[in-house]
Protein backbone atom coordinates (compact mmCIF):
# COMPACT_ATOMS: atom_id res chain seq x y z
CA MET A 1 -93.59 27.28 -3.56
CA ASN A 2 -91.56 24.50 -5.20
CA LYS A 3 -88.21 23.45 -3.81
CA PRO A 4 -85.35 24.07 -6.25
CA THR A 5 -84.18 20.94 -8.02
CA PRO A 6 -80.63 19.98 -7.04
CA ILE A 7 -78.08 20.54 -9.78
CA LYS A 8 -76.91 17.30 -11.38
CA ARG A 9 -73.15 17.35 -11.15
CA HIS A 10 -70.55 15.22 -12.89
CA PRO A 11 -69.10 12.90 -10.21
CA SER A 12 -65.60 14.32 -10.72
CA LEU A 13 -66.83 17.72 -9.49
CA ALA A 14 -68.70 16.38 -6.47
CA SER A 15 -65.92 17.12 -3.96
CA PHE A 16 -65.71 20.71 -5.14
CA SER A 17 -69.50 21.06 -4.88
CA ARG A 18 -69.42 19.59 -1.38
CA ASP A 19 -66.76 22.15 -0.42
CA HIS A 20 -69.01 24.84 -1.86
CA HIS A 21 -71.69 23.78 0.60
CA PHE A 22 -69.22 24.49 3.42
CA GLY A 23 -68.34 27.82 1.81
CA LEU A 24 -72.01 28.79 1.87
CA LEU A 25 -72.14 27.65 5.49
CA LEU A 26 -69.26 30.06 6.21
CA VAL A 27 -71.31 32.85 4.63
CA TRP A 28 -74.25 31.90 6.84
CA LYS A 29 -72.03 31.89 9.95
CA ILE A 30 -70.70 35.36 9.15
CA ARG A 31 -74.21 36.71 8.63
CA GLN A 32 -75.48 35.03 11.80
CA GLY A 33 -72.67 36.58 13.80
CA LEU A 34 -73.30 40.02 12.35
CA ALA A 35 -77.06 39.76 12.94
CA LYS A 36 -76.48 38.73 16.56
CA GLY A 37 -74.13 41.64 17.16
CA VAL A 38 -71.14 39.40 17.84
CA ASP A 39 -67.84 41.25 18.21
CA ILE A 40 -66.48 41.78 14.69
CA THR A 41 -63.02 40.59 15.68
CA ARG A 42 -64.35 37.16 16.67
CA ILE A 43 -66.03 36.76 13.28
CA ALA A 44 -63.00 38.08 11.38
CA ASN A 45 -60.67 35.69 13.20
CA TYR A 46 -62.89 32.77 12.25
CA VAL A 47 -63.00 33.90 8.60
CA LEU A 48 -59.19 34.04 8.53
CA TYR A 49 -59.00 30.62 10.18
CA ALA A 50 -61.47 29.13 7.68
CA PHE A 51 -59.65 30.72 4.77
CA ASP A 52 -56.21 29.57 5.89
CA ASN A 53 -57.36 26.04 6.77
CA ASP A 54 -59.81 25.37 3.95
CA LEU A 55 -60.65 27.97 1.32
CA ARG A 56 -57.07 28.77 0.31
CA GLN A 57 -56.42 25.09 -0.52
CA HIS A 58 -59.80 24.77 -2.25
CA PHE A 59 -59.00 27.79 -4.45
CA LYS A 60 -55.53 26.43 -5.23
CA GLU A 61 -56.99 23.09 -6.29
CA GLU A 62 -59.59 24.79 -8.50
CA GLU A 63 -56.88 26.91 -10.12
CA GLU A 64 -54.52 23.97 -10.68
CA LEU A 65 -56.98 21.20 -11.55
CA MET A 66 -59.68 23.11 -13.40
CA PHE A 67 -59.12 26.73 -14.40
CA ASN A 68 -55.86 26.03 -16.23
CA LYS A 69 -57.62 23.41 -18.37
CA LEU A 70 -59.73 26.17 -19.92
CA PRO A 71 -58.23 28.42 -22.61
CA GLU A 72 -56.47 31.50 -21.17
CA LEU A 73 -58.92 33.80 -22.93
CA ASP A 74 -62.02 31.91 -21.80
CA THR A 75 -64.25 34.59 -20.25
CA LEU A 76 -65.57 32.25 -17.55
CA ARG A 77 -62.04 31.25 -16.55
CA LYS A 78 -61.09 34.92 -16.34
CA GLN A 79 -64.14 35.69 -14.21
CA ALA A 80 -63.34 32.83 -11.81
CA GLU A 81 -59.68 33.89 -11.54
CA ASN A 82 -60.66 37.52 -10.99
CA GLU A 83 -63.12 36.54 -8.27
CA HIS A 84 -60.47 34.43 -6.54
CA ALA A 85 -58.08 37.41 -6.69
CA ALA A 86 -60.75 39.69 -5.20
CA ILE A 87 -61.38 37.23 -2.35
CA TYR A 88 -57.63 36.86 -1.68
CA SER A 89 -57.38 40.65 -1.56
CA LEU A 90 -60.30 41.00 0.86
CA VAL A 91 -58.79 38.40 3.17
CA GLU A 92 -55.48 40.27 3.24
CA LYS A 93 -57.29 43.53 4.05
CA LEU A 94 -59.20 41.75 6.79
CA ARG A 95 -55.91 40.61 8.38
CA SER A 96 -55.06 44.24 9.07
CA GLU A 97 -58.60 45.49 9.67
CA LEU A 98 -60.14 42.92 12.01
CA THR A 99 -62.87 45.31 13.12
CA ASN A 100 -64.07 46.29 9.64
CA HIS A 101 -67.76 45.32 9.44
CA GLN A 102 -67.94 46.27 5.75
CA LEU A 103 -65.10 43.91 4.82
CA LEU A 104 -66.92 40.99 6.45
CA THR A 105 -70.17 41.87 4.70
CA LYS A 106 -68.39 42.26 1.37
CA PHE A 107 -66.47 39.00 1.85
CA ALA A 108 -69.67 37.07 2.61
CA GLN A 109 -71.45 38.47 -0.45
CA LEU A 110 -68.50 37.93 -2.78
CA LEU A 111 -67.95 34.36 -1.60
CA GLN A 112 -71.65 33.55 -1.99
CA ASP A 113 -71.79 35.08 -5.48
CA HIS A 114 -68.60 33.29 -6.50
CA ILE A 115 -69.87 29.90 -5.33
CA ARG A 116 -73.18 30.42 -7.13
CA PHE A 117 -71.29 31.40 -10.31
CA GLU A 118 -69.13 28.30 -10.17
CA GLU A 119 -72.03 25.96 -9.47
CA ARG A 120 -74.51 27.44 -11.94
CA VAL A 121 -72.27 28.66 -14.77
CA LEU A 122 -68.63 27.57 -14.61
CA PHE A 123 -69.08 23.90 -13.65
CA PRO A 124 -71.67 23.22 -16.39
CA HIS A 125 -69.30 24.92 -18.85
CA MET A 126 -66.43 22.67 -17.73
CA GLU A 127 -68.62 19.56 -17.89
CA LYS A 128 -69.32 20.36 -21.54
CA THR A 129 -65.77 21.30 -22.55
CA PHE A 130 -63.45 19.06 -20.49
CA SER A 131 -62.24 15.77 -21.86
CA THR A 132 -62.74 12.57 -19.91
CA ALA A 133 -59.03 12.70 -19.01
CA ASP A 134 -59.44 16.25 -17.64
CA LEU A 135 -62.44 15.19 -15.56
CA ASP A 136 -60.47 12.22 -14.23
CA ILE A 137 -57.73 14.61 -13.05
CA VAL A 138 -60.33 16.86 -11.40
CA ALA A 139 -61.69 13.78 -9.61
CA THR A 140 -58.39 13.41 -7.72
CA TYR A 141 -59.44 16.26 -5.41
CA GLY A 142 -60.79 14.86 -2.17
CA GLY A 143 -62.07 18.00 -0.46
CA ASN A 144 -62.67 18.26 3.26
CA THR A 145 -64.86 16.07 5.40
CA PRO A 146 -67.81 17.62 7.26
CA GLY A 147 -66.78 19.15 10.56
CA GLU A 148 -63.07 18.86 9.80
CA ILE A 149 -62.57 22.62 9.55
CA ASP A 150 -64.39 23.50 12.75
CA ALA A 151 -62.73 20.75 14.77
CA GLY A 152 -59.93 23.14 15.73
CA TRP A 153 -62.15 26.14 16.41
CA GLU A 154 -63.87 26.59 19.78
CA ASP A 155 -65.66 29.95 19.42
CA GLN A 156 -68.94 29.05 17.76
CA PHE A 157 -70.28 32.61 17.73
CA TRP A 158 -72.97 31.77 15.18
CA GLN A 159 -74.99 29.61 17.60
């Protein structure tokens, strides 16, 4: 079986793509915890921590630096905004339902699907439609450095 070829990404989107890698790692951690039978509350608390300390800012930057540069009626922009809204909503439900296994499973699947959509569909669309000036603005996003998010979290339930 052939290894998939990495997606060539415009350099201005590289920080967002790197963050997406960490988002997929979050999905993996959730699934590892669930597969190992880790207490749901431990996993949920980590998801909330990761969202509050990383994903929320990542989403805000995407919305402010990228989505608003697409026309309001652009179907891909609408899909991305709707997926962000769905993820925000799931996180808020999780805050009050820390023991809800289904919410964690749904969150992991939605986040994975959203990242895949952005990487495979939305980013190529933006690369084709954004001006050089727009891409330069997008490039101002620095993202997070590897390990930065987990530095303040001791419970590594996924190991």
